[in-house]
Protein backbone atom coordinates (compact mmCIF):
# COMPACT_ATOMS: atom_id res chain seq x y z
CA MET A 1 -15.56 11.23 -57.19
CA GLY A 2 -14.91 7.66 -55.71
CA ALA A 3 -16.64 8.79 -52.37
CA CYS A 4 -19.51 10.17 -54.11
CA ARG A 5 -19.95 7.19 -56.11
CA THR A 6 -19.79 4.83 -53.04
CA ALA A 7 -22.40 7.08 -51.33
CA VAL A 8 -24.66 6.74 -54.44
CA VAL A 9 -24.31 2.89 -54.48
CA LEU A 10 -25.03 2.72 -50.73
CA ARG A 11 -28.30 4.76 -51.32
CA SER A 12 -29.12 2.71 -54.26
CA CYS A 13 -28.71 -0.82 -52.65
CA VAL A 14 -32.20 -0.69 -51.34
CA ASN A 15 -33.77 -3.47 -53.10
CA PRO A 16 -35.78 -5.18 -51.36
CA PRO A 17 -36.79 -2.32 -49.10
CA PRO A 18 -35.96 -2.44 -45.66
CA LEU A 19 -37.73 -5.23 -43.72
CA SER A 20 -39.92 -4.66 -40.65
CA ALA A 21 -38.98 -6.77 -37.37
CA CYS A 22 -42.24 -9.13 -38.01
CA VAL A 23 -41.38 -9.93 -41.65
CA CYS A 24 -37.81 -10.64 -40.80
CA VAL A 25 -38.71 -13.09 -38.27
CA ARG A 26 -40.95 -14.80 -40.59
CA TRP A 27 -38.35 -14.77 -43.31
CA LEU A 28 -35.85 -16.18 -40.97
CA ALA A 29 -37.95 -18.87 -39.97
CA ALA A 30 -38.37 -20.42 -43.35
CA GLY A 31 -35.09 -19.05 -44.94
CA SER A 32 -31.95 -20.14 -45.69
CA LEU A 33 -30.38 -17.09 -43.60
CA GLY A 34 -32.09 -18.30 -40.70
CA LEU A 35 -30.95 -22.04 -40.85
CA SER A 36 -27.27 -20.81 -41.41
CA SER A 37 -27.37 -18.67 -38.56
CA VAL A 38 -29.03 -21.36 -36.22
CA ALA A 39 -26.42 -23.82 -37.50
CA ALA A 40 -23.54 -21.17 -36.74
CA THR A 41 -24.72 -20.50 -33.34
CA LEU A 42 -24.47 -24.30 -32.22
CA GLY A 43 -20.99 -23.41 -31.67
CA ALA A 44 -22.03 -20.80 -29.15
CA PHE A 45 -24.32 -23.66 -27.71
CA SER A 46 -21.25 -25.92 -27.42
CA LEU A 47 -19.21 -23.07 -25.58
CA GLY A 48 -22.02 -22.81 -23.08
CA THR A 49 -21.85 -26.46 -22.32
CA VAL A 50 -18.04 -26.14 -21.91
CA LEU A 51 -18.54 -23.29 -19.34
CA ALA A 52 -21.15 -24.83 -17.26
CA TRP A 53 -19.74 -28.57 -17.30
CA THR A 54 -17.88 -28.15 -14.01
CA SER A 55 -20.91 -26.92 -12.03
CA PRO A 56 -22.93 -30.31 -11.87
CA THR A 57 -19.77 -32.45 -11.97
CA GLY A 58 -17.79 -30.67 -9.04
CA THR A 59 -19.37 -32.60 -6.24
CA ARG A 60 -18.89 -36.04 -7.81
CA LEU A 61 -15.15 -35.78 -9.01
CA ALA A 62 -13.87 -33.43 -6.39
CA GLN A 63 -13.31 -33.82 -2.49
CA SER A 64 -15.12 -31.47 -0.29
CA SER A 65 -15.41 -30.79 3.49
CA THR A 66 -18.37 -33.33 3.68
CA ASN A 67 -16.72 -35.88 1.18
CA PRO A 68 -12.86 -36.20 1.79
CA ASP A 69 -12.89 -39.33 -0.60
CA PRO A 70 -9.06 -39.72 -1.53
CA SER A 71 -10.09 -41.13 -4.72
CA LEU A 72 -11.31 -37.86 -5.73
CA MET A 73 -9.64 -34.91 -7.03
CA THR A 74 -8.29 -32.52 -4.58
CA VAL A 75 -9.70 -28.86 -4.38
CA ALA A 76 -6.52 -27.61 -5.99
CA GLU A 77 -6.80 -30.08 -8.72
CA TRP A 78 -10.47 -29.28 -9.39
CA SER A 79 -9.66 -25.51 -9.67
CA TRP A 80 -7.16 -26.30 -12.37
CA VAL A 81 -10.03 -28.15 -14.07
CA GLY A 82 -12.25 -25.32 -14.13
CA SER A 83 -9.63 -22.64 -15.04
CA LEU A 84 -7.84 -24.18 -17.71
CA MET A 85 -10.81 -23.88 -20.03
CA ASN A 86 -10.02 -20.18 -19.98
CA VAL A 87 -6.34 -20.82 -20.77
CA GLY A 88 -7.62 -22.72 -23.96
CA ALA A 89 -9.92 -19.99 -25.09
CA THR A 90 -7.36 -17.30 -24.94
CA LEU A 91 -4.92 -19.40 -26.75
CA SER A 92 -7.41 -19.98 -29.52
CA VAL A 93 -8.76 -16.43 -30.07
CA VAL A 94 -5.14 -15.21 -30.82
CA LEU A 95 -4.76 -18.24 -33.18
CA VAL A 96 -8.05 -18.30 -35.07
CA GLY A 97 -7.59 -14.49 -36.06
CA ALA A 98 -4.76 -15.84 -38.24
CA VAL A 99 -6.46 -18.69 -39.72
CA ILE A 100 -9.84 -17.48 -40.25
CA ASP A 101 -8.98 -15.41 -43.57
CA ARG A 102 -6.89 -18.40 -44.91
CA LEU A 103 -9.19 -21.32 -44.45
CA GLY A 104 -12.43 -19.15 -44.52
CA ARG A 105 -14.93 -18.89 -42.01
CA LYS A 106 -16.89 -22.13 -42.95
CA TYR A 107 -13.89 -24.23 -42.87
CA THR A 108 -12.63 -22.88 -39.98
CA MET A 109 -15.48 -23.78 -37.95
CA LEU A 110 -15.71 -27.23 -39.43
CA ALA A 111 -11.96 -27.89 -38.48
CA LEU A 112 -13.10 -27.42 -34.85
CA VAL A 113 -15.42 -30.29 -34.86
CA LEU A 114 -13.25 -33.13 -34.27
CA PRO A 115 -10.83 -31.53 -31.90
CA PHE A 116 -13.86 -30.63 -29.79
CA ILE A 117 -15.32 -34.09 -29.86
CA ALA A 118 -11.80 -35.20 -28.87
CA GLY A 119 -11.62 -32.98 -26.00
CA TRP A 120 -14.93 -34.33 -24.61
CA PHE A 121 -13.88 -37.98 -25.25
CA MET A 122 -10.72 -37.13 -22.99
CA ILE A 123 -12.93 -35.90 -20.35
CA ALA A 124 -15.45 -38.65 -20.49
CA TRP A 125 -12.67 -41.53 -20.12
CA ALA A 126 -10.38 -39.73 -18.11
CA GLY A 127 -11.24 -41.73 -15.07
CA GLN A 128 -8.80 -40.81 -12.27
CA THR A 129 -6.11 -39.42 -14.70
CA VAL A 130 -6.18 -35.85 -13.78
CA THR A 131 -3.89 -34.93 -16.59
CA LEU A 132 -6.68 -36.16 -19.13
CA TYR A 133 -9.01 -33.75 -17.54
CA TYR A 134 -6.59 -30.61 -17.79
CA VAL A 135 -5.81 -31.58 -21.31
CA GLY A 136 -9.43 -32.15 -22.44
CA ARG A 137 -10.46 -28.73 -20.63
CA ILE A 138 -7.80 -26.79 -22.60
CA VAL A 139 -8.75 -28.44 -25.83
CA THR A 140 -12.59 -27.90 -25.30
CA GLY A 141 -11.95 -24.29 -24.19
CA MET A 142 -9.64 -23.70 -27.45
CA MET A 143 -12.43 -25.02 -29.86
CA GLY A 144 -15.22 -22.87 -27.84
CA GLY A 145 -12.91 -19.86 -27.76
CA ALA A 146 -12.41 -20.26 -31.40
CA PHE A 147 -16.29 -20.49 -32.03
CA SER A 148 -16.63 -17.26 -30.07
CA VAL A 149 -14.56 -15.23 -32.99
CA SER A 150 -15.35 -17.12 -35.93
CA ALA A 151 -19.38 -17.79 -35.66
CA PRO A 152 -20.06 -13.97 -35.05
CA VAL A 153 -17.85 -13.28 -38.09
CA TYR A 154 -19.78 -15.67 -40.11
CA ILE A 155 -23.04 -14.39 -38.98
CA SER A 156 -22.34 -10.65 -39.80
CA GLU A 157 -21.09 -11.55 -43.00
CA ILE A 158 -24.26 -13.39 -44.38
CA ALA A 159 -26.77 -10.90 -42.57
CA GLN A 160 -28.39 -8.11 -44.05
CA LYS A 161 -28.23 -4.91 -42.15
CA GLU A 162 -31.68 -4.72 -41.08
CA ILE A 163 -31.32 -7.80 -39.03
CA ARG A 164 -27.63 -8.11 -38.39
CA GLY A 165 -28.20 -6.92 -34.68
CA MET A 166 -30.94 -9.41 -34.13
CA LEU A 167 -28.85 -12.28 -35.50
CA GLY A 168 -25.85 -10.95 -33.43
CA THR A 169 -27.90 -11.47 -30.34
CA CYS A 170 -28.64 -15.16 -31.05
CA TYR A 171 -24.93 -16.08 -30.30
CA GLN A 172 -25.13 -14.85 -26.75
CA LEU A 173 -28.69 -16.65 -26.69
CA MET A 174 -27.09 -19.82 -27.56
CA ILE A 175 -24.29 -19.62 -25.04
CA THR A 176 -26.80 -19.24 -22.14
CA SER A 177 -29.16 -22.04 -23.66
CA GLY A 178 -26.02 -24.31 -23.45
CA ILE A 179 -25.29 -23.45 -20.03
CA LEU A 180 -28.87 -23.98 -19.16
CA PHE A 181 -28.96 -27.44 -21.12
CA VAL A 182 -26.04 -28.79 -18.89
CA TYR A 183 -27.59 -27.68 -15.69
CA LEU A 184 -30.71 -29.26 -16.43
CA VAL A 185 -29.07 -32.51 -17.78
CA GLY A 186 -26.76 -32.84 -15.05
CA GLY A 187 -29.34 -32.24 -12.44
CA ILE A 188 -31.35 -35.36 -13.65
CA GLU A 189 -31.00 -38.05 -10.88
CA GLY A 190 -28.97 -41.11 -12.39
CA VAL A 191 -27.34 -39.18 -15.18
CA SER A 192 -23.60 -39.70 -14.59
CA VAL A 193 -20.76 -37.57 -15.32
CA PHE A 194 -19.70 -40.02 -18.15
CA ALA A 195 -23.27 -39.84 -19.69
CA LEU A 196 -23.38 -35.93 -19.28
CA THR A 197 -19.83 -35.60 -20.95
CA LEU A 198 -20.88 -37.80 -24.08
CA THR A 199 -24.24 -35.77 -24.37
CA CYS A 200 -21.87 -32.60 -24.43
CA SER A 201 -19.78 -34.00 -27.09
CA PHE A 202 -22.71 -34.79 -29.61
CA VAL A 203 -23.48 -30.89 -29.87
CA PRO A 204 -20.48 -30.02 -31.97
CA LEU A 205 -21.16 -33.39 -33.84
CA LEU A 206 -24.78 -32.10 -34.85
CA PHE A 207 -23.21 -28.78 -35.73
CA GLY A 208 -20.71 -30.35 -38.24
CA ALA A 209 -23.51 -32.61 -39.75
CA ILE A 210 -25.52 -29.32 -40.32
CA PHE A 211 -23.07 -26.73 -41.17
CA VAL A 212 -21.11 -28.71 -43.65
CA PHE A 213 -23.90 -28.05 -46.10
CA MET A 214 -23.91 -24.28 -45.58
CA PRO A 215 -22.12 -22.12 -47.97
CA GLU A 216 -19.04 -19.90 -47.43
CA THR A 217 -19.78 -16.16 -46.89
CA PRO A 218 -19.82 -13.94 -49.98
CA ARG A 219 -17.08 -11.70 -48.44
CA GLN A 220 -14.74 -14.63 -47.96
CA TYR A 221 -15.01 -15.61 -51.91
CA LEU A 222 -14.53 -12.01 -52.89
CA GLN A 223 -11.34 -11.90 -50.63
CA LYS A 224 -10.26 -14.84 -52.73
CA GLY A 225 -11.15 -13.32 -56.16
CA ARG A 226 -14.04 -15.99 -56.49
CA VAL A 227 -16.68 -13.81 -57.82
CA GLU A 228 -18.92 -16.51 -59.09
CA ASP A 229 -18.92 -18.29 -55.88
CA ALA A 230 -19.72 -14.92 -54.11
CA ARG A 231 -22.60 -14.47 -56.31
CA LYS A 232 -23.98 -18.22 -55.83
CA SER A 233 -23.44 -17.78 -52.00
CA LEU A 234 -25.31 -14.49 -51.79
CA ARG A 235 -28.05 -15.83 -53.82
CA TRP A 236 -28.40 -18.72 -51.51
CA PHE A 237 -28.73 -16.27 -48.76
CA ARG A 238 -30.98 -13.70 -50.35
CA GLY A 239 -33.18 -15.83 -52.69
CA GLU A 240 -33.82 -15.75 -56.26
CA HIS A 241 -35.58 -12.32 -56.38
CA TYR A 242 -32.85 -10.17 -54.61
CA ASN A 243 -30.62 -7.84 -56.61
CA ILE A 244 -27.28 -9.27 -55.30
CA ASP A 245 -25.15 -7.27 -57.90
CA ALA A 246 -25.74 -4.13 -55.96
CA GLU A 247 -24.64 -5.81 -52.41
CA LEU A 248 -21.62 -7.41 -54.01
CA GLN A 249 -20.54 -3.93 -55.59
CA VAL A 250 -20.93 -2.34 -52.19
CA SER A 251 -18.72 -4.99 -50.64
CA HIS A 252 -16.37 -4.19 -53.24
CA LEU A 253 -16.22 -0.44 -52.52
CA LEU A 254 -16.47 -0.41 -48.95
CA TYR A 255 -13.96 -3.25 -48.05
CA LYS A 256 -11.71 -2.89 -51.26
CA LEU A 257 -12.46 -6.70 -52.13
CA PRO A 258 -11.84 -7.82 -55.84
CA TYR A 259 -14.76 -7.64 -58.35
CA PRO A 260 -14.09 -7.75 -62.01
CA SER A 261 -15.15 -4.71 -63.97
CA SER A 262 -16.36 -7.19 -66.77
CA HIS A 263 -19.56 -7.88 -64.55
CA ASN A 264 -22.53 -5.85 -65.46
CA PHE A 265 -24.24 -3.72 -62.85
CA PRO A 266 -26.97 -1.14 -63.02
CA SER A 267 -25.86 2.29 -63.58
CA PHE A 268 -25.40 4.23 -60.20
CA SER A 269 -23.61 7.31 -61.74
CA THR A 270 -26.92 9.30 -61.03
CA PRO A 271 -28.97 9.44 -58.14
């Protein structure tokens, strides 16, 4: 009976009806869901800047066959600067999985902002201190890796199924946009490594300034038993005329999340 009831609820949760692609685009452009998704993917843009930073800066900070300046980093040291980002990302992916359910998706991502900026500051003011470059790259790698886990989870939990795939592709698009941004800015004549690094540090700051106003996901609230907060969150993402009770009950049945029986739902006992 439970499985049959779940199937009936899933069939019944079609208010409003599925959206066409063109309607989705117009709705996202003006809606709360689009704003939240773009804000969340600024973390992906930040990750892109971390990935690309070593490309325009390598010729200025590291020795080469044509520039054996002893004041610059050796090839081995610069190789570590490039690779330690991946070490940090690997560590953060392991850790953020244990934190994201405790702090929530929103506050996990907001907690990444200050360490991210601090990592960029270490690099910006490292001077000839190679260790600071190492630490800064580990920290920025950790924060970028943490965004690669938390941001897709956030987007998948706020999106309707009709547009979840489209929103999911935005994350990868923003990573490549961050890479392109660093290539373009770093390629401008007269832009120093210091200026480029400070510019990269501005991106997580912008993310925090916008994302602090976004709500937590409805599923996270349901996991904590905060049903009214889940309703308010889903109402913010879906609008005033959407049947939020049906979608919240589907989340309750599919994911075994708490949802008190005292709430009045439309009857789904018959097809």
